[in-house]
């Protein structure tokens, strides 16, 4: 029977969110992970800087809000914690888009419409990354030759690529820009893969990705 890791070896996290209700929800979700320890909760960017400097957590979960300059926050917290991982919880209408988040120094993106399993899988993925992980590798495009071999599905390589990019929270436009194709082509591939998988929405596609064990395979990192 496996035992819980000691506090010293667990993955220490800090959350940033102004909503009491959302903070309580994050508490409840994170408590279900056996190797995660919530060491602080901030309500704004300045609180987050202070808590990170004091607690030296391994990751920061930021619920994106209009008051938060995520690029500035990422830069400041990494002064005191250079190797900290940053996960953004965003909606599909984030003003700078997911490509903007990647350029802001974010290590993982989770959409607020995704099931909680996706957040946990993203946390777990970042928790398992080696300390020597190079941040400049974060935004490299997915290529069909690097797709996980365990992805057993009726999808073509291109459809698999697009499915994994949807799993990263990218919009159709972001996917088109990443793969250097048109948004019409992206929609065409999505229609085909939806038909092949027997699903009808992005949320169902995200659940399929999670069930395949791919939710943590490069979540925008």
N, C-alpha and C. Protein backbone atom coordinates (compact mmCIF):
# COMPACT_ATOMS: atom_id res chain seq x y z
N UNK A 1 0.85 -1.20 0.00
CA UNK A 1 0.00 0.00 0.00
C UNK A 1 0.89 1.25 0.00
N UNK A 2 0.65 2.15 -0.95
CA UNK A 2 1.51 3.32 -1.04
C UNK A 2 1.21 4.31 0.07
N UNK A 3 2.25 5.05 0.46
CA UNK A 3 2.08 6.04 1.52
C UNK A 3 2.20 7.43 0.93
N UNK A 4 1.59 8.37 1.59
CA UNK A 4 1.66 9.77 1.16
C UNK A 4 3.08 10.28 1.34
N UNK A 5 3.56 11.09 0.40
CA UNK A 5 4.89 11.63 0.52
C UNK A 5 4.95 12.57 1.71
N UNK A 6 6.13 12.69 2.30
CA UNK A 6 6.30 13.60 3.43
C UNK A 6 6.13 15.02 2.95
N UNK A 7 5.76 15.97 3.86
CA UNK A 7 5.55 17.35 3.45
C UNK A 7 6.74 17.94 2.73
N UNK A 8 7.98 17.56 3.14
CA UNK A 8 9.17 18.13 2.55
C UNK A 8 9.33 17.72 1.09
N UNK A 9 8.79 16.56 0.71
CA UNK A 9 8.97 16.08 -0.65
C UNK A 9 7.73 16.30 -1.52
N UNK A 10 6.67 16.87 -0.94
CA UNK A 10 5.44 17.08 -1.71
C UNK A 10 5.57 18.32 -2.59
N UNK A 11 4.63 18.47 -3.49
CA UNK A 11 4.65 19.55 -4.46
C UNK A 11 3.91 20.74 -3.86
N UNK A 12 4.65 21.72 -3.36
CA UNK A 12 4.05 22.88 -2.69
C UNK A 12 3.48 23.85 -3.72
N UNK A 13 2.25 24.28 -3.47
CA UNK A 13 1.52 25.14 -4.40
C UNK A 13 1.00 26.39 -3.71
N UNK A 14 0.89 27.46 -4.48
CA UNK A 14 0.21 28.68 -4.04
C UNK A 14 -0.82 29.02 -5.11
N UNK A 15 -1.99 29.47 -4.68
CA UNK A 15 -3.02 29.88 -5.63
C UNK A 15 -3.20 31.40 -5.58
N UNK A 16 -3.63 31.97 -6.71
CA UNK A 16 -3.91 33.40 -6.79
C UNK A 16 -5.30 33.57 -7.37
N UNK A 17 -6.22 34.08 -6.55
CA UNK A 17 -7.60 34.25 -6.99
C UNK A 17 -8.32 35.18 -6.03
N UNK A 18 -9.08 36.13 -6.55
CA UNK A 18 -9.78 37.06 -5.67
C UNK A 18 -11.13 36.52 -5.19
N UNK A 19 -11.65 35.50 -5.86
CA UNK A 19 -12.97 34.96 -5.51
C UNK A 19 -12.86 33.94 -4.38
N UNK A 20 -13.56 34.19 -3.27
CA UNK A 20 -13.56 33.24 -2.15
C UNK A 20 -14.10 31.89 -2.59
N UNK A 21 -15.15 31.91 -3.39
CA UNK A 21 -15.79 30.67 -3.82
C UNK A 21 -14.84 29.82 -4.68
N UNK A 22 -14.15 30.48 -5.61
CA UNK A 22 -13.21 29.75 -6.47
C UNK A 22 -12.04 29.24 -5.66
N UNK A 23 -11.56 30.03 -4.71
CA UNK A 23 -10.44 29.58 -3.86
C UNK A 23 -10.83 28.33 -3.08
N UNK A 24 -12.07 28.31 -2.56
CA UNK A 24 -12.53 27.12 -1.84
C UNK A 24 -12.60 25.91 -2.77
N UNK A 25 -13.02 26.15 -4.00
CA UNK A 25 -13.09 25.07 -4.97
C UNK A 25 -11.70 24.52 -5.28
N UNK A 26 -10.71 25.42 -5.43
CA UNK A 26 -9.34 24.98 -5.69
C UNK A 26 -8.79 24.19 -4.50
N UNK A 27 -9.10 24.65 -3.29
CA UNK A 27 -8.68 23.91 -2.09
C UNK A 27 -9.19 22.48 -2.15
N UNK A 28 -10.48 22.34 -2.42
CA UNK A 28 -11.10 21.02 -2.43
C UNK A 28 -10.49 20.12 -3.51
N UNK A 29 -10.22 20.70 -4.69
CA UNK A 29 -9.65 19.90 -5.79
C UNK A 29 -8.23 19.47 -5.45
N UNK A 30 -7.41 20.41 -4.97
CA UNK A 30 -6.00 20.11 -4.72
C UNK A 30 -5.81 19.13 -3.56
N UNK A 31 -6.74 19.13 -2.62
CA UNK A 31 -6.65 18.19 -1.50
C UNK A 31 -6.79 16.74 -1.95
N UNK A 32 -7.37 16.54 -3.13
CA UNK A 32 -7.55 15.16 -3.61
C UNK A 32 -6.26 14.58 -4.19
N UNK A 33 -5.25 15.43 -4.42
CA UNK A 33 -3.99 14.93 -4.98
C UNK A 33 -3.08 14.52 -3.82
N UNK A 34 -2.61 13.27 -3.79
CA UNK A 34 -1.84 12.77 -2.65
C UNK A 34 -0.47 13.40 -2.47
N UNK A 35 0.05 14.06 -3.49
CA UNK A 35 1.41 14.61 -3.39
C UNK A 35 1.46 16.12 -3.57
N UNK A 36 0.34 16.79 -3.32
CA UNK A 36 0.27 18.24 -3.44
C UNK A 36 -0.01 18.85 -2.07
N UNK A 37 0.67 19.95 -1.78
CA UNK A 37 0.49 20.64 -0.51
C UNK A 37 0.24 22.12 -0.79
N UNK A 38 -0.94 22.62 -0.43
CA UNK A 38 -1.28 24.03 -0.63
C UNK A 38 -0.67 24.83 0.52
N UNK A 39 0.29 25.71 0.20
CA UNK A 39 1.02 26.44 1.25
C UNK A 39 0.66 27.91 1.32
N UNK A 40 -0.21 28.37 0.42
CA UNK A 40 -0.60 29.77 0.48
C UNK A 40 -1.68 30.10 -0.54
N UNK A 41 -2.48 31.12 -0.20
CA UNK A 41 -3.54 31.59 -1.08
C UNK A 41 -3.48 33.11 -1.15
N UNK A 42 -3.31 33.63 -2.35
CA UNK A 42 -3.23 35.07 -2.55
C UNK A 42 -4.49 35.57 -3.23
N UNK A 43 -4.83 36.82 -2.96
CA UNK A 43 -6.01 37.39 -3.59
C UNK A 43 -5.64 38.37 -4.71
N UNK A 44 -4.35 38.68 -4.81
CA UNK A 44 -3.90 39.57 -5.88
C UNK A 44 -2.41 39.32 -6.15
N UNK A 45 -1.86 40.04 -7.11
CA UNK A 45 -0.48 39.79 -7.52
C UNK A 45 0.52 40.13 -6.43
N UNK A 46 0.32 41.23 -5.71
CA UNK A 46 1.28 41.61 -4.67
C UNK A 46 1.30 40.59 -3.54
N UNK A 47 0.12 40.07 -3.17
CA UNK A 47 0.07 39.00 -2.17
C UNK A 47 0.83 37.78 -2.66
N UNK A 48 0.66 37.46 -3.92
CA UNK A 48 1.33 36.29 -4.49
C UNK A 48 2.84 36.43 -4.41
N UNK A 49 3.35 37.61 -4.73
CA UNK A 49 4.81 37.84 -4.65
C UNK A 49 5.32 37.61 -3.24
N UNK A 50 4.61 38.12 -2.24
CA UNK A 50 5.04 37.97 -0.85
C UNK A 50 5.02 36.51 -0.41
N UNK A 51 3.95 35.80 -0.77
CA UNK A 51 3.83 34.40 -0.35
C UNK A 51 4.88 33.54 -1.03
N UNK A 52 5.12 33.77 -2.31
CA UNK A 52 6.13 32.99 -3.03
C UNK A 52 7.51 33.24 -2.44
N UNK A 53 7.83 34.50 -2.13
CA UNK A 53 9.13 34.82 -1.55
C UNK A 53 9.31 34.15 -0.19
N UNK A 54 8.22 34.02 0.56
CA UNK A 54 8.30 33.43 1.90
C UNK A 54 8.28 31.90 1.87
N UNK A 55 7.39 31.33 1.07
CA UNK A 55 7.17 29.88 1.09
C UNK A 55 8.00 29.10 0.08
N UNK A 56 8.49 29.78 -0.96
CA UNK A 56 9.26 29.12 -2.04
C UNK A 56 8.53 27.89 -2.59
N UNK A 57 7.28 28.05 -3.04
CA UNK A 57 6.53 26.90 -3.58
C UNK A 57 7.11 26.45 -4.91
N UNK A 58 6.74 25.28 -5.33
CA UNK A 58 7.21 24.76 -6.62
C UNK A 58 6.29 25.15 -7.76
N UNK A 59 5.08 25.60 -7.43
CA UNK A 59 4.15 25.99 -8.50
C UNK A 59 3.18 27.06 -8.00
N UNK A 60 2.69 27.83 -8.96
CA UNK A 60 1.72 28.89 -8.70
C UNK A 60 0.56 28.69 -9.66
N UNK A 61 -0.66 28.64 -9.11
CA UNK A 61 -1.86 28.54 -9.94
C UNK A 61 -2.55 29.90 -9.93
N UNK A 62 -2.66 30.51 -11.10
CA UNK A 62 -3.22 31.85 -11.21
C UNK A 62 -4.55 31.79 -11.95
N UNK A 63 -5.62 32.20 -11.28
CA UNK A 63 -6.92 32.34 -11.94
C UNK A 63 -6.91 33.72 -12.60
N UNK A 64 -6.91 33.75 -13.91
CA UNK A 64 -6.72 35.01 -14.63
C UNK A 64 -7.92 35.93 -14.48
N UNK A 65 -7.62 37.14 -14.10
CA UNK A 65 -8.63 38.18 -13.92
C UNK A 65 -8.10 39.47 -14.52
N UNK A 66 -8.98 40.43 -14.77
CA UNK A 66 -8.58 41.64 -15.48
C UNK A 66 -7.51 42.43 -14.74
N UNK A 67 -7.46 42.31 -13.39
CA UNK A 67 -6.51 43.09 -12.61
C UNK A 67 -5.10 42.51 -12.64
N UNK A 68 -4.94 41.29 -13.11
CA UNK A 68 -3.65 40.62 -13.04
C UNK A 68 -2.90 40.73 -14.37
N UNK A 69 -1.69 41.29 -14.29
CA UNK A 69 -0.78 41.28 -15.43
C UNK A 69 0.08 40.03 -15.26
N UNK A 70 -0.30 38.96 -15.95
CA UNK A 70 0.32 37.67 -15.71
C UNK A 70 1.80 37.65 -16.09
N UNK A 71 2.17 38.38 -17.14
CA UNK A 71 3.58 38.43 -17.54
C UNK A 71 4.42 39.11 -16.46
N UNK A 72 3.90 40.20 -15.91
CA UNK A 72 4.61 40.91 -14.84
C UNK A 72 4.70 40.05 -13.59
N UNK A 73 3.61 39.35 -13.26
CA UNK A 73 3.62 38.48 -12.08
C UNK A 73 4.63 37.35 -12.25
N UNK A 74 4.65 36.73 -13.43
CA UNK A 74 5.60 35.64 -13.67
C UNK A 74 7.03 36.12 -13.52
N UNK A 75 7.31 37.29 -14.06
CA UNK A 75 8.67 37.84 -13.98
C UNK A 75 9.07 38.10 -12.53
N UNK A 76 8.15 38.67 -11.74
CA UNK A 76 8.47 39.04 -10.36
C UNK A 76 8.62 37.83 -9.44
N UNK A 77 7.73 36.84 -9.56
CA UNK A 77 7.84 35.70 -8.64
C UNK A 77 9.08 34.87 -8.95
N UNK A 78 9.54 34.92 -10.20
CA UNK A 78 10.73 34.14 -10.53
C UNK A 78 12.02 34.80 -10.06
N UNK A 79 11.93 36.01 -9.52
CA UNK A 79 13.10 36.62 -8.90
C UNK A 79 13.44 35.86 -7.62
N UNK A 80 12.41 35.53 -6.84
CA UNK A 80 12.64 34.81 -5.59
C UNK A 80 12.54 33.29 -5.74
N UNK A 81 11.88 32.84 -6.80
CA UNK A 81 11.72 31.39 -7.04
C UNK A 81 11.93 31.12 -8.53
N UNK A 82 13.18 31.08 -8.98
CA UNK A 82 13.48 31.00 -10.43
C UNK A 82 12.91 29.78 -11.14
N UNK A 83 12.74 28.66 -10.43
CA UNK A 83 12.27 27.44 -11.10
C UNK A 83 10.78 27.18 -10.91
N UNK A 84 10.06 28.15 -10.36
CA UNK A 84 8.64 27.94 -10.10
C UNK A 84 7.88 27.70 -11.41
N UNK A 85 6.94 26.76 -11.36
CA UNK A 85 6.05 26.49 -12.50
C UNK A 85 4.78 27.32 -12.31
N UNK A 86 4.23 27.82 -13.40
CA UNK A 86 3.03 28.66 -13.32
C UNK A 86 1.94 28.09 -14.20
N UNK A 87 0.78 27.83 -13.58
CA UNK A 87 -0.39 27.33 -14.30
C UNK A 87 -1.44 28.44 -14.31
N UNK A 88 -1.96 28.73 -15.49
CA UNK A 88 -3.02 29.73 -15.62
C UNK A 88 -4.35 29.03 -15.81
N UNK A 89 -5.36 29.47 -15.06
CA UNK A 89 -6.73 29.02 -15.29
C UNK A 89 -7.44 30.16 -16.01
N UNK A 90 -7.85 29.88 -17.24
CA UNK A 90 -8.36 30.93 -18.11
C UNK A 90 -9.68 30.53 -18.74
N UNK A 91 -10.40 31.52 -19.25
CA UNK A 91 -11.57 31.21 -20.06
C UNK A 91 -11.20 31.36 -21.54
N UNK A 92 -12.09 30.94 -22.42
CA UNK A 92 -11.80 30.97 -23.85
C UNK A 92 -11.70 32.39 -24.39
N UNK A 93 -12.19 33.35 -23.61
CA UNK A 93 -12.21 34.73 -24.09
C UNK A 93 -11.08 35.56 -23.50
N UNK A 94 -10.05 34.92 -22.95
CA UNK A 94 -8.93 35.68 -22.39
C UNK A 94 -8.41 36.67 -23.42
N UNK A 95 -8.22 37.91 -22.99
CA UNK A 95 -8.01 39.01 -23.93
C UNK A 95 -6.75 38.87 -24.79
N UNK A 96 -5.73 38.18 -24.30
CA UNK A 96 -4.51 38.02 -25.09
C UNK A 96 -4.44 36.66 -25.78
N UNK A 97 -5.41 35.80 -25.55
CA UNK A 97 -5.40 34.47 -26.16
C UNK A 97 -4.35 33.57 -25.54
N UNK A 98 -4.44 32.29 -25.85
CA UNK A 98 -3.50 31.35 -25.25
C UNK A 98 -2.08 31.54 -25.76
N UNK A 99 -1.92 32.01 -26.99
CA UNK A 99 -0.57 32.28 -27.49
C UNK A 99 0.08 33.38 -26.66
N UNK A 100 -0.73 34.37 -26.27
CA UNK A 100 -0.21 35.43 -25.41
C UNK A 100 0.23 34.90 -24.05
N UNK A 101 -0.51 33.92 -23.55
CA UNK A 101 -0.14 33.33 -22.27
C UNK A 101 1.20 32.61 -22.37
N UNK A 102 1.41 31.88 -23.44
CA UNK A 102 2.67 31.17 -23.61
C UNK A 102 3.84 32.14 -23.62
N UNK A 103 3.66 33.28 -24.24
CA UNK A 103 4.72 34.28 -24.30
C UNK A 103 4.89 35.00 -22.97
N UNK A 104 3.93 34.83 -22.05
CA UNK A 104 4.00 35.49 -20.75
C UNK A 104 4.77 34.68 -19.71
N UNK A 105 5.29 33.52 -20.09
CA UNK A 105 6.05 32.71 -19.15
C UNK A 105 5.22 31.69 -18.42
N UNK A 106 4.04 31.36 -18.96
CA UNK A 106 3.17 30.37 -18.33
C UNK A 106 3.62 28.97 -18.74
N UNK A 107 3.59 28.05 -17.78
CA UNK A 107 4.00 26.67 -18.05
C UNK A 107 2.84 25.76 -18.42
N UNK A 108 1.64 26.09 -18.02
CA UNK A 108 0.48 25.26 -18.32
C UNK A 108 -0.78 26.10 -18.33
N UNK A 109 -1.72 25.73 -19.19
CA UNK A 109 -2.99 26.45 -19.30
C UNK A 109 -4.13 25.47 -19.11
N UNK A 110 -5.06 25.81 -18.22
CA UNK A 110 -6.26 25.00 -18.00
C UNK A 110 -7.45 25.92 -18.20
N UNK A 111 -8.40 25.49 -19.01
CA UNK A 111 -9.60 26.29 -19.22
C UNK A 111 -10.58 26.06 -18.08
N UNK A 112 -11.30 27.12 -17.71
CA UNK A 112 -12.23 26.97 -16.58
C UNK A 112 -13.45 26.12 -16.93
N UNK A 113 -13.59 25.74 -18.20
CA UNK A 113 -14.69 24.83 -18.57
C UNK A 113 -14.25 23.36 -18.53
N UNK A 114 -12.96 23.15 -18.31
CA UNK A 114 -12.46 21.78 -18.31
C UNK A 114 -12.76 21.07 -16.99
N UNK A 115 -12.89 19.74 -17.03
CA UNK A 115 -13.12 19.00 -15.79
C UNK A 115 -11.91 19.12 -14.86
N UNK A 116 -12.14 18.96 -13.55
CA UNK A 116 -11.06 19.13 -12.58
C UNK A 116 -9.92 18.15 -12.81
N UNK A 117 -10.21 17.02 -13.45
CA UNK A 117 -9.15 16.05 -13.72
C UNK A 117 -8.05 16.64 -14.60
N UNK A 118 -8.42 17.59 -15.46
CA UNK A 118 -7.43 18.20 -16.34
C UNK A 118 -6.46 19.06 -15.52
N UNK A 119 -6.98 19.80 -14.55
CA UNK A 119 -6.11 20.59 -13.68
C UNK A 119 -5.16 19.69 -12.91
N UNK A 120 -5.69 18.61 -12.34
CA UNK A 120 -4.86 17.68 -11.58
C UNK A 120 -3.80 17.03 -12.47
N UNK A 121 -4.18 16.69 -13.69
CA UNK A 121 -3.22 16.08 -14.61
C UNK A 121 -2.12 17.07 -14.99
N UNK A 122 -2.49 18.34 -15.16
CA UNK A 122 -1.50 19.37 -15.48
C UNK A 122 -0.55 19.57 -14.33
N UNK A 123 -1.08 19.63 -13.11
CA UNK A 123 -0.24 19.74 -11.91
C UNK A 123 0.71 18.55 -11.83
N UNK A 124 0.19 17.38 -12.08
CA UNK A 124 1.00 16.17 -11.97
C UNK A 124 2.10 16.16 -13.04
N UNK A 125 1.77 16.62 -14.22
CA UNK A 125 2.76 16.69 -15.29
C UNK A 125 3.92 17.60 -14.89
N UNK A 126 3.60 18.78 -14.39
CA UNK A 126 4.63 19.74 -13.99
C UNK A 126 5.40 19.23 -12.77
N UNK A 127 4.72 18.53 -11.89
CA UNK A 127 5.37 17.98 -10.69
C UNK A 127 6.45 16.98 -11.07
N UNK A 128 6.24 16.25 -12.15
CA UNK A 128 7.17 15.20 -12.55
C UNK A 128 8.29 15.67 -13.47
N UNK A 129 8.22 16.92 -13.90
CA UNK A 129 9.28 17.42 -14.78
C UNK A 129 10.59 17.49 -14.02
N UNK A 130 11.71 17.14 -14.67
CA UNK A 130 13.01 17.24 -14.00
C UNK A 130 13.38 18.69 -13.74
N UNK A 131 14.19 18.90 -12.74
CA UNK A 131 14.59 20.26 -12.37
C UNK A 131 15.37 20.96 -13.45
N UNK A 132 16.00 20.22 -14.36
CA UNK A 132 16.80 20.82 -15.41
C UNK A 132 15.98 21.22 -16.63
N UNK A 133 14.65 21.07 -16.53
CA UNK A 133 13.76 21.43 -17.63
C UNK A 133 14.06 22.84 -18.12
N UNK A 134 14.24 23.01 -19.43
CA UNK A 134 14.58 24.32 -19.98
C UNK A 134 13.33 25.04 -20.45
N UNK A 135 13.07 26.22 -19.89
CA UNK A 135 11.84 26.93 -20.21
C UNK A 135 11.77 27.34 -21.67
N UNK A 136 12.93 27.56 -22.31
CA UNK A 136 12.87 27.98 -23.70
C UNK A 136 12.30 26.90 -24.60
N UNK A 137 12.18 25.67 -24.10
CA UNK A 137 11.60 24.61 -24.91
C UNK A 137 10.08 24.59 -24.82
N UNK A 138 9.54 25.46 -23.99
CA UNK A 138 8.13 25.40 -23.65
C UNK A 138 7.19 25.51 -24.86
N UNK A 139 7.47 26.43 -25.74
CA UNK A 139 6.50 26.73 -26.79
C UNK A 139 6.79 26.07 -28.13
N UNK A 140 7.62 25.04 -28.13
CA UNK A 140 7.89 24.36 -29.39
C UNK A 140 6.61 23.71 -29.91
N UNK A 141 6.35 23.80 -31.20
CA UNK A 141 5.14 23.20 -31.76
C UNK A 141 5.16 21.69 -31.64
N UNK A 142 3.96 21.12 -31.50
CA UNK A 142 3.83 19.68 -31.54
C UNK A 142 4.04 19.22 -32.97
N UNK A 143 4.73 18.11 -33.19
CA UNK A 143 4.89 17.56 -34.53
C UNK A 143 4.37 16.14 -34.54
N UNK A 144 3.93 15.69 -35.71
CA UNK A 144 3.35 14.36 -35.78
C UNK A 144 4.36 13.30 -35.41
N UNK A 145 5.66 13.55 -35.65
CA UNK A 145 6.66 12.55 -35.33
C UNK A 145 6.88 12.40 -33.84
N UNK A 146 6.45 13.41 -33.04
CA UNK A 146 6.66 13.34 -31.59
C UNK A 146 5.40 12.98 -30.84
N UNK A 147 4.33 12.63 -31.55
CA UNK A 147 3.09 12.27 -30.87
C UNK A 147 3.31 11.01 -30.03
N UNK A 148 2.69 10.96 -28.81
CA UNK A 148 2.88 9.79 -27.96
C UNK A 148 2.44 8.51 -28.66
N UNK A 149 3.27 7.49 -28.59
CA UNK A 149 2.96 6.24 -29.26
C UNK A 149 1.71 5.57 -28.68
N UNK A 150 1.40 5.90 -27.42
CA UNK A 150 0.28 5.21 -26.80
C UNK A 150 -1.08 5.74 -27.27
N UNK A 151 -1.09 6.77 -28.12
CA UNK A 151 -2.35 7.30 -28.63
C UNK A 151 -2.90 6.36 -29.70
N UNK A 152 -3.76 5.44 -29.27
CA UNK A 152 -4.35 4.45 -30.17
C UNK A 152 -5.74 4.93 -30.55
N UNK A 153 -5.90 5.43 -31.77
CA UNK A 153 -7.18 5.99 -32.17
C UNK A 153 -7.29 5.94 -33.68
N UNK A 154 -8.50 6.19 -34.21
CA UNK A 154 -8.69 6.21 -35.67
C UNK A 154 -8.25 7.52 -36.30
N UNK A 155 -7.70 8.44 -35.54
CA UNK A 155 -7.35 9.75 -36.06
C UNK A 155 -6.06 9.72 -36.88
N UNK A 156 -5.99 10.61 -37.85
CA UNK A 156 -4.75 10.80 -38.60
C UNK A 156 -3.75 11.54 -37.71
N UNK A 157 -2.49 11.60 -38.14
CA UNK A 157 -1.48 12.31 -37.37
C UNK A 157 -1.87 13.77 -37.17
N UNK A 158 -2.38 14.41 -38.22
CA UNK A 158 -2.76 15.82 -38.12
C UNK A 158 -3.93 15.99 -37.15
N UNK A 159 -4.89 15.09 -37.21
CA UNK A 159 -6.03 15.16 -36.28
C UNK A 159 -5.57 14.95 -34.85
N UNK A 160 -4.60 14.06 -34.65
CA UNK A 160 -4.05 13.84 -33.31
C UNK A 160 -3.36 15.11 -32.81
N UNK A 161 -2.59 15.75 -33.70
CA UNK A 161 -1.94 17.01 -33.35
C UNK A 161 -2.97 18.03 -32.87
N UNK A 162 -4.03 18.18 -33.65
CA UNK A 162 -5.04 19.18 -33.32
C UNK A 162 -5.76 18.82 -32.03
N UNK A 163 -6.03 17.53 -31.81
CA UNK A 163 -6.68 17.11 -30.57
C UNK A 163 -5.82 17.48 -29.37
N UNK A 164 -4.50 17.25 -29.46
CA UNK A 164 -3.62 17.57 -28.34
C UNK A 164 -3.51 19.08 -28.12
N UNK A 165 -3.57 19.85 -29.20
CA UNK A 165 -3.52 21.31 -29.05
C UNK A 165 -4.82 21.83 -28.44
N UNK A 166 -5.94 21.22 -28.78
CA UNK A 166 -7.20 21.56 -28.09
C UNK A 166 -7.05 21.26 -26.61
N UNK A 167 -6.39 20.15 -26.29
CA UNK A 167 -6.16 19.78 -24.89
C UNK A 167 -5.30 20.78 -24.16
N UNK A 168 -4.49 21.55 -24.89
CA UNK A 168 -3.68 22.60 -24.28
C UNK A 168 -4.46 23.89 -24.06
N UNK A 169 -5.72 23.90 -24.54
CA UNK A 169 -6.55 25.08 -24.37
C UNK A 169 -6.47 26.06 -25.52
N UNK A 170 -5.87 25.68 -26.64
CA UNK A 170 -5.74 26.59 -27.76
C UNK A 170 -7.05 26.72 -28.53
N UNK A 171 -7.32 27.93 -28.99
CA UNK A 171 -8.49 28.19 -29.82
C UNK A 171 -8.20 27.74 -31.25
N UNK A 172 -9.23 27.75 -32.10
CA UNK A 172 -9.02 27.41 -33.51
C UNK A 172 -7.98 28.31 -34.17
N UNK A 173 -8.03 29.61 -33.84
CA UNK A 173 -7.07 30.55 -34.43
C UNK A 173 -5.67 30.25 -33.94
N UNK A 174 -5.53 29.97 -32.63
CA UNK A 174 -4.21 29.65 -32.08
C UNK A 174 -3.64 28.40 -32.74
N UNK A 175 -4.51 27.39 -32.93
CA UNK A 175 -4.07 26.14 -33.58
C UNK A 175 -3.64 26.42 -35.01
N UNK A 176 -4.42 27.22 -35.71
CA UNK A 176 -4.08 27.56 -37.09
C UNK A 176 -2.73 28.26 -37.17
N UNK A 177 -2.51 29.21 -36.25
CA UNK A 177 -1.23 29.93 -36.23
C UNK A 177 -0.08 28.98 -35.91
N UNK A 178 -0.30 28.08 -34.95
CA UNK A 178 0.76 27.15 -34.53
C UNK A 178 1.14 26.20 -35.65
N UNK A 179 0.14 25.71 -36.40
CA UNK A 179 0.40 24.71 -37.44
C UNK A 179 0.55 25.31 -38.83
N UNK A 180 0.40 26.66 -38.92
CA UNK A 180 0.55 27.36 -40.19
C UNK A 180 -0.48 26.86 -41.22
N UNK A 181 -1.71 26.75 -40.75
CA UNK A 181 -2.82 26.38 -41.62
C UNK A 181 -3.95 27.37 -41.38
N UNK A 182 -5.01 27.30 -42.17
CA UNK A 182 -6.13 28.23 -42.01
C UNK A 182 -7.09 27.73 -40.92
N UNK A 183 -7.89 28.65 -40.39
CA UNK A 183 -8.89 28.25 -39.40
C UNK A 183 -9.95 27.36 -40.03
N UNK A 184 -10.19 27.54 -41.32
CA UNK A 184 -11.15 26.67 -42.03
C UNK A 184 -10.65 25.23 -42.03
N UNK A 185 -9.33 25.07 -42.24
CA UNK A 185 -8.75 23.73 -42.23
C UNK A 185 -8.83 23.12 -40.83
N UNK A 186 -8.60 23.94 -39.81
CA UNK A 186 -8.72 23.45 -38.43
C UNK A 186 -10.14 22.95 -38.17
N UNK A 187 -11.13 23.75 -38.58
CA UNK A 187 -12.53 23.35 -38.38
C UNK A 187 -12.83 22.05 -39.13
N UNK A 188 -12.27 21.91 -40.32
CA UNK A 188 -12.47 20.69 -41.11
C UNK A 188 -11.91 19.47 -40.37
N UNK A 189 -10.70 19.60 -39.82
CA UNK A 189 -10.10 18.49 -39.08
C UNK A 189 -10.90 18.18 -37.81
N UNK A 190 -11.39 19.22 -37.13
CA UNK A 190 -12.18 19.01 -35.92
C UNK A 190 -13.47 18.28 -36.25
N UNK A 191 -14.12 18.67 -37.35
CA UNK A 191 -15.35 17.99 -37.77
C UNK A 191 -15.08 16.51 -38.02
N UNK A 192 -13.97 16.22 -38.70
CA UNK A 192 -13.62 14.82 -38.99
C UNK A 192 -13.34 14.02 -37.72
N UNK A 193 -12.55 14.62 -36.81
CA UNK A 193 -12.21 13.86 -35.61
C UNK A 193 -13.41 13.71 -34.68
N UNK A 194 -14.29 14.71 -34.64
CA UNK A 194 -15.52 14.56 -33.85
C UNK A 194 -16.34 13.38 -34.38
N UNK A 195 -16.46 13.29 -35.70
CA UNK A 195 -17.22 12.20 -36.30
C UNK A 195 -16.57 10.85 -36.00
N UNK A 196 -15.26 10.77 -36.13
CA UNK A 196 -14.56 9.51 -35.89
C UNK A 196 -14.67 9.05 -34.44
N UNK A 197 -14.67 10.01 -33.51
CA UNK A 197 -14.71 9.67 -32.08
C UNK A 197 -16.14 9.60 -31.54
N UNK A 198 -17.10 10.02 -32.36
CA UNK A 198 -18.48 10.00 -31.93
C UNK A 198 -18.80 11.01 -30.85
N UNK A 199 -18.15 12.18 -30.95
CA UNK A 199 -18.37 13.25 -29.96
C UNK A 199 -18.85 14.50 -30.70
N UNK A 200 -19.31 15.49 -29.93
CA UNK A 200 -19.88 16.67 -30.59
C UNK A 200 -19.38 18.00 -30.02
N UNK A 201 -18.60 17.97 -28.95
CA UNK A 201 -18.14 19.22 -28.35
C UNK A 201 -16.67 19.14 -27.95
N UNK A 202 -16.07 20.31 -27.75
CA UNK A 202 -14.68 20.38 -27.29
C UNK A 202 -14.53 19.75 -25.91
N UNK A 203 -15.52 19.97 -25.04
CA UNK A 203 -15.43 19.42 -23.68
C UNK A 203 -15.36 17.89 -23.75
N UNK A 204 -16.16 17.28 -24.63
CA UNK A 204 -16.11 15.83 -24.76
C UNK A 204 -14.76 15.38 -25.33
N UNK A 205 -14.17 16.21 -26.20
CA UNK A 205 -12.84 15.89 -26.72
C UNK A 205 -11.81 15.94 -25.59
N UNK A 206 -11.93 16.94 -24.71
CA UNK A 206 -11.02 17.04 -23.57
C UNK A 206 -11.13 15.83 -22.66
N UNK A 207 -12.34 15.36 -22.46
CA UNK A 207 -12.53 14.15 -21.64
C UNK A 207 -11.89 12.93 -22.32
N UNK A 208 -12.02 12.86 -23.65
CA UNK A 208 -11.41 11.75 -24.39
C UNK A 208 -9.89 11.78 -24.23
N UNK A 209 -9.30 13.00 -24.32
CA UNK A 209 -7.85 13.15 -24.16
C UNK A 209 -7.43 12.69 -22.77
N UNK A 210 -8.22 13.08 -21.77
CA UNK A 210 -7.91 12.68 -20.39
C UNK A 210 -7.99 11.16 -20.24
N UNK A 211 -9.03 10.56 -20.79
CA UNK A 211 -9.20 9.11 -20.69
C UNK A 211 -8.07 8.36 -21.38
N UNK A 212 -7.47 8.98 -22.41
CA UNK A 212 -6.34 8.36 -23.11
C UNK A 212 -5.03 8.54 -22.35
N UNK A 213 -5.10 9.28 -21.21
CA UNK A 213 -3.89 9.52 -20.45
C UNK A 213 -3.00 10.57 -21.06
N UNK A 214 -3.59 11.47 -21.87
CA UNK A 214 -2.79 12.46 -22.57
C UNK A 214 -2.97 13.86 -22.03
N UNK A 215 -3.75 13.99 -20.94
CA UNK A 215 -4.05 15.34 -20.43
C UNK A 215 -2.79 16.06 -19.98
N UNK A 216 -1.78 15.33 -19.56
CA UNK A 216 -0.56 15.95 -19.10
C UNK A 216 0.57 15.93 -20.10
N UNK A 217 0.30 15.53 -21.33
CA UNK A 217 1.36 15.44 -22.33
C UNK A 217 1.60 16.81 -22.95
N UNK A 218 2.50 17.54 -22.34
CA UNK A 218 2.85 18.84 -22.90
C UNK A 218 1.75 19.85 -22.82
N UNK A 219 1.17 20.16 -21.59
CA UNK A 219 0.09 21.14 -21.52
C UNK A 219 0.60 22.55 -21.67
N UNK A 220 0.89 22.92 -22.92
CA UNK A 220 1.43 24.25 -23.20
C UNK A 220 2.74 24.47 -22.52
N UNK A 221 3.59 23.48 -22.49
CA UNK A 221 4.90 23.65 -21.88
C UNK A 221 5.99 23.35 -22.87
